[in-house]
Amino acid sequence: MTITEQVAKNIIRKLLKGEDYRIEVVTLINAEFLQFAIGFFKHIVDAKLKSKDITVDWYKKAFLDPNLPANEIAINSGLNTKTIHNMFNSSTKEIVIDASNEHYDLLYESIKNLVDTEHDLELTLTIKFKGVSVDLNVSESLIVINTLAVKRSALRGGLWSTAGKRVEKPLMQTLCKLYGVPEQNYALKIKGKEIEEDDFEREIDFYLIEGKNQHKCEVKLMGRGNPESADAVIARDSRVFVADKLSDTNKKQLNSRKVEWVELRSNGGFERFDTVLKNLKIPHTKLPSNIDKELEVVFKEIFK
């Protein structure tokens, strides 16, 4: 799961304006989920129509097919690969298939017992596609609804994590370019090795360089911070902390440890980065008069 460049740009714009960026991630989750749901419903229609024997569990046969990718099998059974890995300390396809089949059988039995108990419950899910329609009974409908819920949850967790990872690096690059920091005064290196696009070491996000000093920088796109967040920065010996929001306790902790910080959603917002650069003696220039126009230039360099 990746976050698109356009969404990354939109998030950075909102962060620089001191606005909440979360609607961008929510919009992406909605788009991904709706796209999945449409494809899932089409597959249901096809599988249901191909099921010749009404005694055969058509859903299990079609959606837990061992030939499907492991993550799809897990989701279709009502699980996800992360949960399976936590349960078995492994998420090989063989384990995913076994765990998914076992869980699906338990889920199916639970739904059957619920339906047998709730005699007055009536539910029929009708799906129409290209003039053809299929009806799902209450048990089948509940299985489908459960799968959609699991998929939504998996998308939500994956995209929120991805948003943070994929925006941290370009956000710091954007700040440096807006302030005209020379390229030799910042870097994406850990122990002399450049970070690849998908190879993030979560402890260190960025470096600001002054002479022989390589100041570790960390970005945290969190909500209202807690003391533990600042503790993590201190433990990693970071020199600069850029966050969406910081609590008063965060700021006191960071100040006491002489850690430079920027709170994006506050008065002045990202412009406190100027103070950070001055305190670290990093050469830089004033902000351009038209930041929005300059952002277009910066984004073309970063997202080329």
C-alpha atoms as a PDB file:
ATOM      1  CA  MET A   1       0.000   0.000   0.000  1.00  0.00           C
ATOM      2  CA  THR A   2       1.456   3.326  -1.041  1.00  0.00           C
ATOM      3  CA  ILE A   3       0.372   6.918  -0.738  1.00  0.00           C
ATOM      4  CA  THR A   4       0.123   8.793  -4.011  1.00  0.00           C
ATOM      5  CA  GLU A   5       2.373  11.745  -4.785  1.00  0.00           C
ATOM      6  CA  GLN A   6      -0.614  14.072  -5.086  1.00  0.00           C
ATOM      7  CA  VAL A   7      -1.863  13.138  -1.616  1.00  0.00           C
ATOM      8  CA  ALA A   8       1.654  13.651  -0.221  1.00  0.00           C
ATOM      9  CA  LYS A   9       1.758  17.100  -1.786  1.00  0.00           C
ATOM     10  CA  ASN A  10      -1.678  17.959  -0.398  1.00  0.00           C
ATOM     11  CA  ILE A  11      -0.632  16.838   3.094  1.00  0.00           C
ATOM     12  CA  ILE A  12       2.523  18.969   2.983  1.00  0.00           C
ATOM     13  CA  ARG A  13       0.533  22.007   1.802  1.00  0.00           C
ATOM     14  CA  LYS A  14      -1.898  21.619   4.688  1.00  0.00           C
ATOM     15  CA  LEU A  15       0.904  21.136   7.221  1.00  0.00           C
ATOM     16  CA  LEU A  16       2.638  24.307   6.033  1.00  0.00           C
ATOM     17  CA  LYS A  17      -0.627  26.215   6.317  1.00  0.00           C
ATOM     18  CA  GLY A  18      -1.174  24.923   9.842  1.00  0.00           C
ATOM     19  CA  GLU A  19      -4.230  22.974   8.773  1.00  0.00           C
ATOM     20  CA  ASP A  20      -5.254  19.448   9.695  1.00  0.00           C
ATOM     21  CA  TYR A  21      -4.021  17.013   7.042  1.00  0.00           C
ATOM     22  CA  ARG A  22      -6.059  13.996   8.109  1.00  0.00           C
ATOM     23  CA  ILE A  23      -8.898  14.581   5.656  1.00  0.00           C
ATOM     24  CA  GLU A  24      -6.438  13.770   2.861  1.00  0.00           C
ATOM     25  CA  VAL A  25      -5.718  10.345   4.346  1.00  0.00           C
ATOM     26  CA  VAL A  26      -9.411   9.725   5.045  1.00  0.00           C
ATOM     27  CA  THR A  27     -10.243  10.622   1.437  1.00  0.00           C
ATOM     28  CA  LEU A  28      -7.618   8.159   0.211  1.00  0.00           C
ATOM     29  CA  ILE A  29      -8.980   5.435   2.522  1.00  0.00           C
ATOM     30  CA  ASN A  30     -12.493   6.060   1.185  1.00  0.00           C
ATOM     31  CA  ALA A  31     -11.320   5.869  -2.431  1.00  0.00           C
ATOM     32  CA  GLU A  32      -9.324   2.661  -1.873  1.00  0.00           C
ATOM     33  CA  PHE A  33     -12.173   1.049   0.082  1.00  0.00           C
ATOM     34  CA  LEU A  34     -14.888   1.910  -2.434  1.00  0.00           C
ATOM     35  CA  GLN A  35     -12.726   0.610  -5.262  1.00  0.00           C
ATOM     36  CA  PHE A  36     -12.222  -2.640  -3.337  1.00  0.00           C
ATOM     37  CA  ALA A  37     -15.949  -2.928  -2.538  1.00  0.00           C
ATOM     38  CA  ILE A  38     -16.983  -2.590  -6.184  1.00  0.00           C
ATOM     39  CA  GLY A  39     -14.490  -5.237  -7.283  1.00  0.00           C
ATOM     40  CA  PHE A  40     -15.512  -7.483  -4.386  1.00  0.00           C
ATOM     41  CA  PHE A  41     -19.213  -7.266  -5.291  1.00  0.00           C
ATOM     42  CA  LYS A  42     -18.454  -8.078  -8.931  1.00  0.00           C
ATOM     43  CA  HIS A  43     -16.497 -11.135  -7.797  1.00  0.00           C
ATOM     44  CA  ILE A  44     -19.413 -12.202  -5.569  1.00  0.00           C
ATOM     45  CA  VAL A  45     -21.858 -12.056  -8.473  1.00  0.00           C
ATOM     46  CA  ASP A  46     -19.525 -14.147 -10.625  1.00  0.00           C
ATOM     47  CA  ALA A  47     -18.816 -16.701  -7.884  1.00  0.00           C
ATOM     48  CA  LYS A  48     -22.451 -17.072  -6.878  1.00  0.00           C
ATOM     49  CA  LEU A  49     -23.588 -17.620 -10.472  1.00  0.00           C
ATOM     50  CA  LYS A  50     -20.886 -20.233 -11.049  1.00  0.00           C
ATOM     51  CA  SER A  51     -21.922 -22.194  -7.956  1.00  0.00           C
ATOM     52  CA  LYS A  52     -23.961 -25.068  -9.440  1.00  0.00           C
ATOM     53  CA  ASP A  53     -24.487 -27.046  -6.243  1.00  0.00           C
ATOM     54  CA  ILE A  54     -26.361 -25.133  -3.542  1.00  0.00           C
ATOM     55  CA  THR A  55     -24.816 -27.395  -0.903  1.00  0.00           C
ATOM     56  CA  VAL A  56     -21.333 -26.230  -1.804  1.00  0.00           C
ATOM     57  CA  ASP A  57     -19.923 -23.307   0.202  1.00  0.00           C
ATOM     58  CA  TRP A  58     -19.466 -21.085  -2.849  1.00  0.00           C
ATOM     59  CA  TYR A  59     -17.940 -18.233  -0.834  1.00  0.00           C
ATOM     60  CA  LYS A  60     -15.217 -20.384   0.717  1.00  0.00           C
ATOM     61  CA  LYS A  61     -14.486 -22.077  -2.600  1.00  0.00           C
ATOM     62  CA  ALA A  62     -14.121 -18.790  -4.478  1.00  0.00           C
ATOM     63  CA  PHE A  63     -12.686 -16.424  -1.885  1.00  0.00           C
ATOM     64  CA  LEU A  64     -10.418 -18.769   0.064  1.00  0.00           C
ATOM     65  CA  ASP A  65      -8.991 -20.294  -3.093  1.00  0.00           C
ATOM     66  CA  PRO A  66      -5.342 -21.268  -2.351  1.00  0.00           C
ATOM     67  CA  ASN A  67      -4.348 -19.758  -5.695  1.00  0.00           C
ATOM     68  CA  LEU A  68      -5.266 -16.271  -4.481  1.00  0.00           C
ATOM     69  CA  PRO A  69      -2.614 -14.026  -2.888  1.00  0.00           C
ATOM     70  CA  ALA A  70      -2.183 -14.701   0.846  1.00  0.00           C
ATOM     71  CA  ASN A  71      -3.344 -11.247   1.930  1.00  0.00           C
ATOM     72  CA  GLU A  72      -6.585 -11.630  -0.068  1.00  0.00           C
ATOM     73  CA  ILE A  73      -7.299 -15.027   1.451  1.00  0.00           C
ATOM     74  CA  ALA A  74      -6.797 -13.633   4.938  1.00  0.00           C
ATOM     75  CA  ILE A  75      -9.060 -10.619   4.355  1.00  0.00           C
ATOM     76  CA  ASN A  76     -11.771 -12.746   2.748  1.00  0.00           C
ATOM     77  CA  SER A  77     -11.785 -15.026   5.787  1.00  0.00           C
ATOM     78  CA  GLY A  78     -12.227 -12.079   8.142  1.00  0.00           C
ATOM     79  CA  LEU A  79      -8.584 -11.804   9.237  1.00  0.00           C
ATOM     80  CA  ASN A  80      -5.489  -9.946   8.049  1.00  0.00           C
ATOM     81  CA  THR A  81      -1.906 -11.121   7.648  1.00  0.00           C
ATOM     82  CA  LYS A  82      -0.662  -8.971  10.524  1.00  0.00           C
ATOM     83  CA  THR A  83      -3.045 -10.688  12.940  1.00  0.00           C
ATOM     84  CA  ILE A  84      -2.047 -14.097  11.605  1.00  0.00           C
ATOM     85  CA  HIS A  85       1.640 -13.246  12.003  1.00  0.00           C
ATOM     86  CA  ASN A  86       1.037 -12.172  15.601  1.00  0.00           C
ATOM     87  CA  MET A  87      -0.812 -15.415  16.274  1.00  0.00           C
ATOM     88  CA  PHE A  88       1.700 -17.807  14.706  1.00  0.00           C
ATOM     89  CA  ASN A  89       4.923 -15.764  14.529  1.00  0.00           C
ATOM     90  CA  SER A  90       4.823 -16.346  10.793  1.00  0.00           C
ATOM     91  CA  SER A  91       2.743 -15.324   7.798  1.00  0.00           C
ATOM     92  CA  THR A  92       3.881 -17.770   5.133  1.00  0.00           C
ATOM     93  CA  LYS A  93       1.168 -18.600   2.623  1.00  0.00           C
ATOM     94  CA  GLU A  94       0.690 -22.089   4.063  1.00  0.00           C
ATOM     95  CA  ILE A  95       0.059 -20.687   7.528  1.00  0.00           C
ATOM     96  CA  VAL A  96      -2.216 -17.967   6.158  1.00  0.00           C
ATOM     97  CA  ILE A  97      -4.289 -20.556   4.278  1.00  0.00           C
ATOM     98  CA  ASP A  98      -4.639 -22.831   7.317  1.00  0.00           C
ATOM     99  CA  ALA A  99      -5.433 -19.978   9.707  1.00  0.00           C
ATOM    100  CA  SER A 100      -7.894 -18.409   7.277  1.00  0.00           C
ATOM    101  CA  ASN A 101      -9.796 -21.635   6.699  1.00  0.00           C
ATOM    102  CA  GLU A 102      -9.972 -22.367  10.420  1.00  0.00           C
ATOM    103  CA  HIS A 103     -11.158 -18.843  11.207  1.00  0.00           C
ATOM    104  CA  TYR A 104     -13.708 -18.851   8.398  1.00  0.00           C
ATOM    105  CA  ASP A 105     -15.232 -22.120   9.649  1.00  0.00           C
ATOM    106  CA  LEU A 106     -15.536 -20.656  13.151  1.00  0.00           C
ATOM    107  CA  LEU A 107     -17.020 -17.436  11.770  1.00  0.00           C
ATOM    108  CA  TYR A 108     -19.507 -19.339   9.636  1.00  0.00           C
ATOM    109  CA  GLU A 109     -20.560 -21.449  12.622  1.00  0.00           C
ATOM    110  CA  SER A 110     -20.991 -18.365  14.806  1.00  0.00           C
ATOM    111  CA  ILE A 111     -23.144 -16.682  12.172  1.00  0.00           C
ATOM    112  CA  LYS A 112     -25.209 -19.850  11.699  1.00  0.00           C
ATOM    113  CA  ASN A 113     -25.858 -20.047  15.445  1.00  0.00           C
ATOM    114  CA  LEU A 114     -26.807 -16.367  15.515  1.00  0.00           C
ATOM    115  CA  VAL A 115     -29.236 -16.775  12.628  1.00  0.00           C
ATOM    116  CA  ASP A 116     -30.790 -19.855  14.247  1.00  0.00           C
ATOM    117  CA  THR A 117     -31.291 -17.885  17.452  1.00  0.00           C
ATOM    118  CA  GLU A 118     -32.620 -14.694  15.869  1.00  0.00           C
ATOM    119  CA  HIS A 119     -35.668 -16.181  14.172  1.00  0.00           C
ATOM    120  CA  ASP A 120     -37.207 -12.809  13.385  1.00  0.00           C
ATOM    121  CA  LEU A 121     -34.099 -11.481  11.614  1.00  0.00           C
ATOM    122  CA  GLU A 122     -34.540 -11.105   7.877  1.00  0.00           C
ATOM    123  CA  LEU A 123     -31.734  -9.821   5.681  1.00  0.00           C
ATOM    124  CA  THR A 124     -31.223 -10.191   1.958  1.00  0.00           C
ATOM    125  CA  LEU A 125     -28.392  -8.497   0.105  1.00  0.00           C
ATOM    126  CA  THR A 126     -29.121  -8.134  -3.603  1.00  0.00           C
ATOM    127  CA  ILE A 127     -26.243  -7.318  -5.954  1.00  0.00           C
ATOM    128  CA  LYS A 128     -26.950  -6.391  -9.569  1.00  0.00           C
ATOM    129  CA  PHE A 129     -24.286  -6.149 -12.255  1.00  0.00           C
ATOM    130  CA  LYS A 130     -24.809  -5.815 -16.018  1.00  0.00           C
ATOM    131  CA  GLY A 131     -28.460  -6.794 -15.707  1.00  0.00           C
ATOM    132  CA  VAL A 132     -27.692  -9.897 -13.660  1.00  0.00           C
ATOM    133  CA  SER A 133     -28.572 -10.053  -9.976  1.00  0.00           C
ATOM    134  CA  VAL A 134     -27.860 -12.445  -7.126  1.00  0.00           C
ATOM    135  CA  ASP A 135     -29.452 -12.588  -3.687  1.00  0.00           C
ATOM    136  CA  LEU A 136     -27.446 -13.382  -0.579  1.00  0.00           C
ATOM    137  CA  ASN A 137     -29.228 -14.822   2.433  1.00  0.00           C
ATOM    138  CA  VAL A 138     -28.648 -13.513   5.926  1.00  0.00           C
ATOM    139  CA  SER A 139     -25.623 -15.744   6.616  1.00  0.00           C
ATOM    140  CA  GLU A 140     -23.955 -14.897   3.334  1.00  0.00           C
ATOM    141  CA  SER A 141     -24.710 -11.206   3.796  1.00  0.00           C
ATOM    142  CA  LEU A 142     -23.140 -11.137   7.250  1.00  0.00           C
ATOM    143  CA  ILE A 143     -19.982 -12.828   5.939  1.00  0.00           C
ATOM    144  CA  VAL A 144     -19.701 -10.231   3.173  1.00  0.00           C
ATOM    145  CA  ILE A 145     -20.316  -7.356   5.593  1.00  0.00           C
ATOM    146  CA  ASN A 146     -17.648  -8.744   7.938  1.00  0.00           C
ATOM    147  CA  THR A 147     -15.133  -8.993   5.087  1.00  0.00           C
ATOM    148  CA  LEU A 148     -15.788  -5.376   4.092  1.00  0.00           C
ATOM    149  CA  ALA A 149     -15.272  -4.259   7.696  1.00  0.00           C
ATOM    150  CA  VAL A 150     -11.957  -6.123   7.950  1.00  0.00           C
ATOM    151  CA  LYS A 151     -10.766  -4.676   4.641  1.00  0.00           C
ATOM    152  CA  ARG A 152     -11.660  -1.144   5.738  1.00  0.00           C
ATOM    153  CA  SER A 153      -9.755  -1.630   8.987  1.00  0.00           C
ATOM    154  CA  ALA A 154      -6.713  -3.000   7.162  1.00  0.00           C
ATOM    155  CA  LEU A 155      -6.716  -0.091   4.707  1.00  0.00           C
ATOM    156  CA  ARG A 156      -7.062   2.396   7.526  1.00  0.00           C
ATOM    157  CA  GLY A 157      -4.105   1.041   9.484  1.00  0.00           C
ATOM    158  CA  GLY A 158      -1.895   0.699   6.428  1.00  0.00           C
ATOM    159  CA  LEU A 159      -2.588   4.125   4.959  1.00  0.00           C
ATOM    160  CA  TRP A 160      -2.176   6.045   8.218  1.00  0.00           C
ATOM    161  CA  SER A 161       1.212   4.405   8.698  1.00  0.00           C
ATOM    162  CA  THR A 162       2.162   4.978   5.075  1.00  0.00           C
ATOM    163  CA  ALA A 163       1.152   8.633   5.206  1.00  0.00           C
ATOM    164  CA  GLY A 164       3.588   9.346   8.017  1.00  0.00           C
ATOM    165  CA  LYS A 165       6.482   7.476   6.414  1.00  0.00           C
ATOM    166  CA  ARG A 166       6.047   8.891   2.938  1.00  0.00           C
ATOM    167  CA  VAL A 167       5.529  12.518   3.974  1.00  0.00           C
ATOM    168  CA  GLU A 168       8.330  12.914   6.538  1.00  0.00           C
ATOM    169  CA  LYS A 169      11.206  12.968   4.053  1.00  0.00           C
ATOM    170  CA  PRO A 170       9.652  15.329   1.447  1.00  0.00           C
ATOM    171  CA  LEU A 171       8.348  17.596   4.232  1.00  0.00           C
ATOM    172  CA  MET A 172      11.868  18.204   5.533  1.00  0.00           C
ATOM    173  CA  GLN A 173      13.194  18.613   1.998  1.00  0.00           C
ATOM    174  CA  THR A 174      10.443  21.138   1.311  1.00  0.00           C
ATOM    175  CA  LEU A 175      11.297  23.168   4.409  1.00  0.00           C
ATOM    176  CA  CYS A 176      14.978  23.239   3.476  1.00  0.00           C
ATOM    177  CA  LYS A 177      14.280  24.258  -0.110  1.00  0.00           C
ATOM    178  CA  LEU A 178      11.815  26.992   0.916  1.00  0.00           C
ATOM    179  CA  TYR A 179      14.496  28.447   3.182  1.00  0.00           C
ATOM    180  CA  GLY A 180      17.198  28.085   0.558  1.00  0.00           C
ATOM    181  CA  VAL A 181      19.321  25.703   2.627  1.00  0.00           C
ATOM    182  CA  PRO A 182      22.276  24.548   0.462  1.00  0.00           C
ATOM    183  CA  GLU A 183      22.082  20.871  -0.468  1.00  0.00           C
ATOM    184  CA  GLN A 184      25.368  20.159   1.312  1.00  0.00           C
ATOM    185  CA  ASN A 185      23.725  21.247   4.572  1.00  0.00           C
ATOM    186  CA  TYR A 186      21.059  18.537   4.695  1.00  0.00           C
ATOM    187  CA  ALA A 187      20.989  14.842   3.934  1.00  0.00           C
ATOM    188  CA  LEU A 188      18.966  11.646   4.019  1.00  0.00           C
ATOM    189  CA  LYS A 189      21.670   9.427   5.366  1.00  0.00           C
ATOM    190  CA  ILE A 190      22.029   6.933   8.161  1.00  0.00           C
ATOM    191  CA  LYS A 191      25.538   5.794   8.963  1.00  0.00           C
ATOM    192  CA  GLY A 192      26.692   7.086   5.593  1.00  0.00           C
ATOM    193  CA  LYS A 193      24.056   5.199   3.619  1.00  0.00           C
ATOM    194  CA  GLU A 194      21.413   7.027   1.620  1.00  0.00           C
ATOM    195  CA  ILE A 195      17.848   6.025   2.422  1.00  0.00           C
ATOM    196  CA  GLU A 196      16.091   4.347  -0.455  1.00  0.00           C
ATOM    197  CA  GLU A 197      12.474   5.189  -1.282  1.00  0.00           C
ATOM    198  CA  ASP A 198      11.054   2.215   0.616  1.00  0.00           C
ATOM    199  CA  ASP A 199      13.902   1.613   3.074  1.00  0.00           C
ATOM    200  CA  PHE A 200      13.114   3.671   6.159  1.00  0.00           C
ATOM    201  CA  GLU A 201      14.898   3.317   9.465  1.00  0.00           C
ATOM    202  CA  ARG A 202      12.246   4.759  11.696  1.00  0.00           C
ATOM    203  CA  GLU A 203      14.599   6.224  14.299  1.00  0.00           C
ATOM    204  CA  ILE A 204      16.123   8.921  12.083  1.00  0.00           C
ATOM    205  CA  ASP A 205      14.246  10.790   9.363  1.00  0.00           C
ATOM    206  CA  PHE A 206      16.641  13.525   8.267  1.00  0.00           C
ATOM    207  CA  TYR A 207      19.952  15.266   8.953  1.00  0.00           C
ATOM    208  CA  LEU A 208      20.836  18.948   9.048  1.00  0.00           C
ATOM    209  CA  ILE A 209      24.573  19.447   8.543  1.00  0.00           C
ATOM    210  CA  GLU A 210      26.812  22.226   9.850  1.00  0.00           C
ATOM    211  CA  GLY A 211      30.505  21.589   9.347  1.00  0.00           C
ATOM    212  CA  LYS A 212      31.261  18.207  10.882  1.00  0.00           C
ATOM    213  CA  ASN A 213      28.039  18.256  12.879  1.00  0.00           C
ATOM    214  CA  GLN A 214      25.257  16.047  11.531  1.00  0.00           C
ATOM    215  CA  HIS A 215      22.163  16.979  13.506  1.00  0.00           C
ATOM    216  CA  LYS A 216      19.591  14.206  13.646  1.00  0.00           C
ATOM    217  CA  CYS A 217      16.050  15.337  12.833  1.00  0.00           C
ATOM    218  CA  GLU A 218      12.812  13.515  13.512  1.00  0.00           C
ATOM    219  CA  VAL A 219       9.340  14.120  12.161  1.00  0.00           C
ATOM    220  CA  LYS A 220       6.215  13.014  13.993  1.00  0.00           C
ATOM    221  CA  LEU A 221       2.835  13.653  12.406  1.00  0.00           C
ATOM    222  CA  MET A 222       0.936  13.054  15.616  1.00  0.00           C
ATOM    223  CA  GLY A 223      -1.964  14.762  17.306  1.00  0.00           C
ATOM    224  CA  ARG A 224      -1.609  16.468  20.655  1.00  0.00           C
ATOM    225  CA  GLY A 225       1.650  15.020  21.927  1.00  0.00           C
ATOM    226  CA  ASN A 226       2.376  13.235  25.160  1.00  0.00           C
ATOM    227  CA  PRO A 227       5.543  13.151  27.259  1.00  0.00           C
ATOM    228  CA  GLU A 228       6.500   9.733  25.909  1.00  0.00           C
ATOM    229  CA  SER A 229       6.789  11.173  22.401  1.00  0.00           C
ATOM    230  CA  ALA A 230       9.446  13.621  23.502  1.00  0.00           C
ATOM    231  CA  ASP A 231      11.136  10.854  25.496  1.00  0.00           C
ATOM    232  CA  ALA A 232      11.524   8.857  22.290  1.00  0.00           C
ATOM    233  CA  VAL A 233      13.213  11.786  20.567  1.00  0.00           C
ATOM    234  CA  ILE A 234      15.571  12.272  23.500  1.00  0.00           C
ATOM    235  CA  ALA A 235      16.393   8.569  23.598  1.00  0.00           C
ATOM    236  CA  ARG A 236      17.437   8.686  19.936  1.00  0.00           C
ATOM    237  CA  ASP A 237      19.567  11.760  20.588  1.00  0.00           C
ATOM    238  CA  SER A 238      17.694  13.764  17.948  1.00  0.00           C
ATOM    239  CA  ARG A 239      18.630  17.436  17.690  1.00  0.00           C
ATOM    240  CA  VAL A 240      15.507  18.617  15.864  1.00  0.00           C
ATOM    241  CA  PHE A 241      11.885  17.567  16.296  1.00  0.00           C
ATOM    242  CA  VAL A 242       9.186  18.572  13.789  1.00  0.00           C
ATOM    243  CA  ALA A 243       5.636  17.666  14.811  1.00  0.00           C
ATOM    244  CA  ASP A 244       2.059  18.278  13.823  1.00  0.00           C
ATOM    245  CA  LYS A 245       1.174  19.208  17.407  1.00  0.00           C
ATOM    246  CA  LEU A 246       3.110  19.424  20.661  1.00  0.00           C
ATOM    247  CA  SER A 247       1.794  19.640  24.193  1.00  0.00           C
ATOM    248  CA  ASP A 248       3.206  22.136  26.693  1.00  0.00           C
ATOM    249  CA  THR A 249       4.858  19.194  28.440  1.00  0.00           C
ATOM    250  CA  ASN A 250       6.514  18.173  25.154  1.00  0.00           C
ATOM    251  CA  LYS A 251       7.901  21.660  24.662  1.00  0.00           C
ATOM    252  CA  LYS A 252       9.238  21.896  28.205  1.00  0.00           C
ATOM    253  CA  GLN A 253      10.976  18.540  27.860  1.00  0.00           C
ATOM    254  CA  LEU A 254      12.485  19.432  24.506  1.00  0.00           C
ATOM    255  CA  ASN A 255      13.628  22.862  25.698  1.00  0.00           C
ATOM    256  CA  SER A 256      15.226  21.389  28.811  1.00  0.00           C
ATOM    257  CA  ARG A 257      17.242  19.012  26.605  1.00  0.00           C
ATOM    258  CA  LYS A 258      18.079  21.769  24.104  1.00  0.00           C
ATOM    259  CA  VAL A 259      16.242  19.980  21.336  1.00  0.00           C
ATOM    260  CA  GLU A 260      15.086  22.350  18.598  1.00  0.00           C
ATOM    261  CA  TRP A 261      11.432  21.925  17.699  1.00  0.00           C
ATOM    262  CA  VAL A 262       8.775  23.049  15.234  1.00  0.00           C
ATOM    263  CA  GLU A 263       5.043  22.733  15.883  1.00  0.00           C
ATOM    264  CA  LEU A 264       3.338  22.961  12.517  1.00  0.00           C
ATOM    265  CA  ARG A 265      -0.177  23.606  13.801  1.00  0.00           C
ATOM    266  CA  SER A 266       0.527  26.637  15.955  1.00  0.00           C
ATOM    267  CA  ASN A 267       0.925  30.380  15.611  1.00  0.00           C
ATOM    268  CA  GLY A 268       3.762  30.893  13.168  1.00  0.00           C
ATOM    269  CA  GLY A 269       3.727  27.184  12.360  1.00  0.00           C
ATOM    270  CA  PHE A 270       6.555  26.030  10.124  1.00  0.00           C
ATOM    271  CA  GLU A 271       8.219  29.475  10.185  1.00  0.00           C
ATOM    272  CA  ARG A 272       9.822  28.492  13.474  1.00  0.00           C
ATOM    273  CA  PHE A 273      12.126  26.420  11.279  1.00  0.00           C
ATOM    274  CA  ASP A 274      13.970  29.700  10.636  1.00  0.00           C
ATOM    275  CA  THR A 275      14.833  29.852  14.351  1.00  0.00           C
ATOM    276  CA  VAL A 276      15.982  26.243  14.268  1.00  0.00           C
ATOM    277  CA  LEU A 277      18.311  26.950  11.353  1.00  0.00           C
ATOM    278  CA  LYS A 278      19.733  30.034  13.065  1.00  0.00           C
ATOM    279  CA  ASN A 279      20.363  28.182  16.334  1.00  0.00           C
ATOM    280  CA  LEU A 280      22.117  25.363  14.484  1.00  0.00           C
ATOM    281  CA  LYS A 281      24.071  27.856  12.348  1.00  0.00           C
ATOM    282  CA  ILE A 282      22.728  26.338   9.135  1.00  0.00           C
ATOM    283  CA  PRO A 283      23.044  28.784   6.206  1.00  0.00           C
ATOM    284  CA  HIS A 284      19.683  29.775   4.736  1.00  0.00           C
ATOM    285  CA  THR A 285      17.718  32.603   3.144  1.00  0.00           C
ATOM    286  CA  LYS A 286      14.401  34.315   3.785  1.00  0.00           C
ATOM    287  CA  LEU A 287      11.160  32.709   2.723  1.00  0.00           C
ATOM    288  CA  PRO A 288       9.996  33.547  -0.819  1.00  0.00           C
ATOM    289  CA  SER A 289       7.232  36.137  -1.084  1.00  0.00           C
ATOM    290  CA  ASN A 290       4.914  33.707  -2.872  1.00  0.00           C
ATOM    291  CA  ILE A 291       5.165  30.401  -1.028  1.00  0.00           C
ATOM    292  CA  ASP A 292       2.409  28.682  -3.018  1.00  0.00           C
ATOM    293  CA  LYS A 293       4.171  29.448  -6.285  1.00  0.00           C
ATOM    294  CA  GLU A 294       7.523  28.325  -4.891  1.00  0.00           C
ATOM    295  CA  LEU A 295       5.982  25.061  -3.657  1.00  0.00           C
ATOM    296  CA  GLU A 296       5.177  24.093  -7.231  1.00  0.00           C
ATOM    297  CA  VAL A 297       8.859  24.476  -8.131  1.00  0.00           C
ATOM    298  CA  VAL A 298       9.967  22.595  -5.012  1.00  0.00           C
ATOM    299  CA  PHE A 299       7.551  19.713  -5.625  1.00  0.00           C
ATOM    300  CA  LYS A 300       8.808  19.277  -9.180  1.00  0.00           C
ATOM    301  CA  GLU A 301      12.310  18.808  -7.775  1.00  0.00           C
ATOM    302  CA  ILE A 302      11.311  16.479  -4.954  1.00  0.00           C
ATOM    303  CA  PHE A 303       8.730  14.332  -6.770  1.00  0.00           C
ATOM    304  CA  LYS A 304      10.572  14.040 -10.093  1.00  0.00           C
END
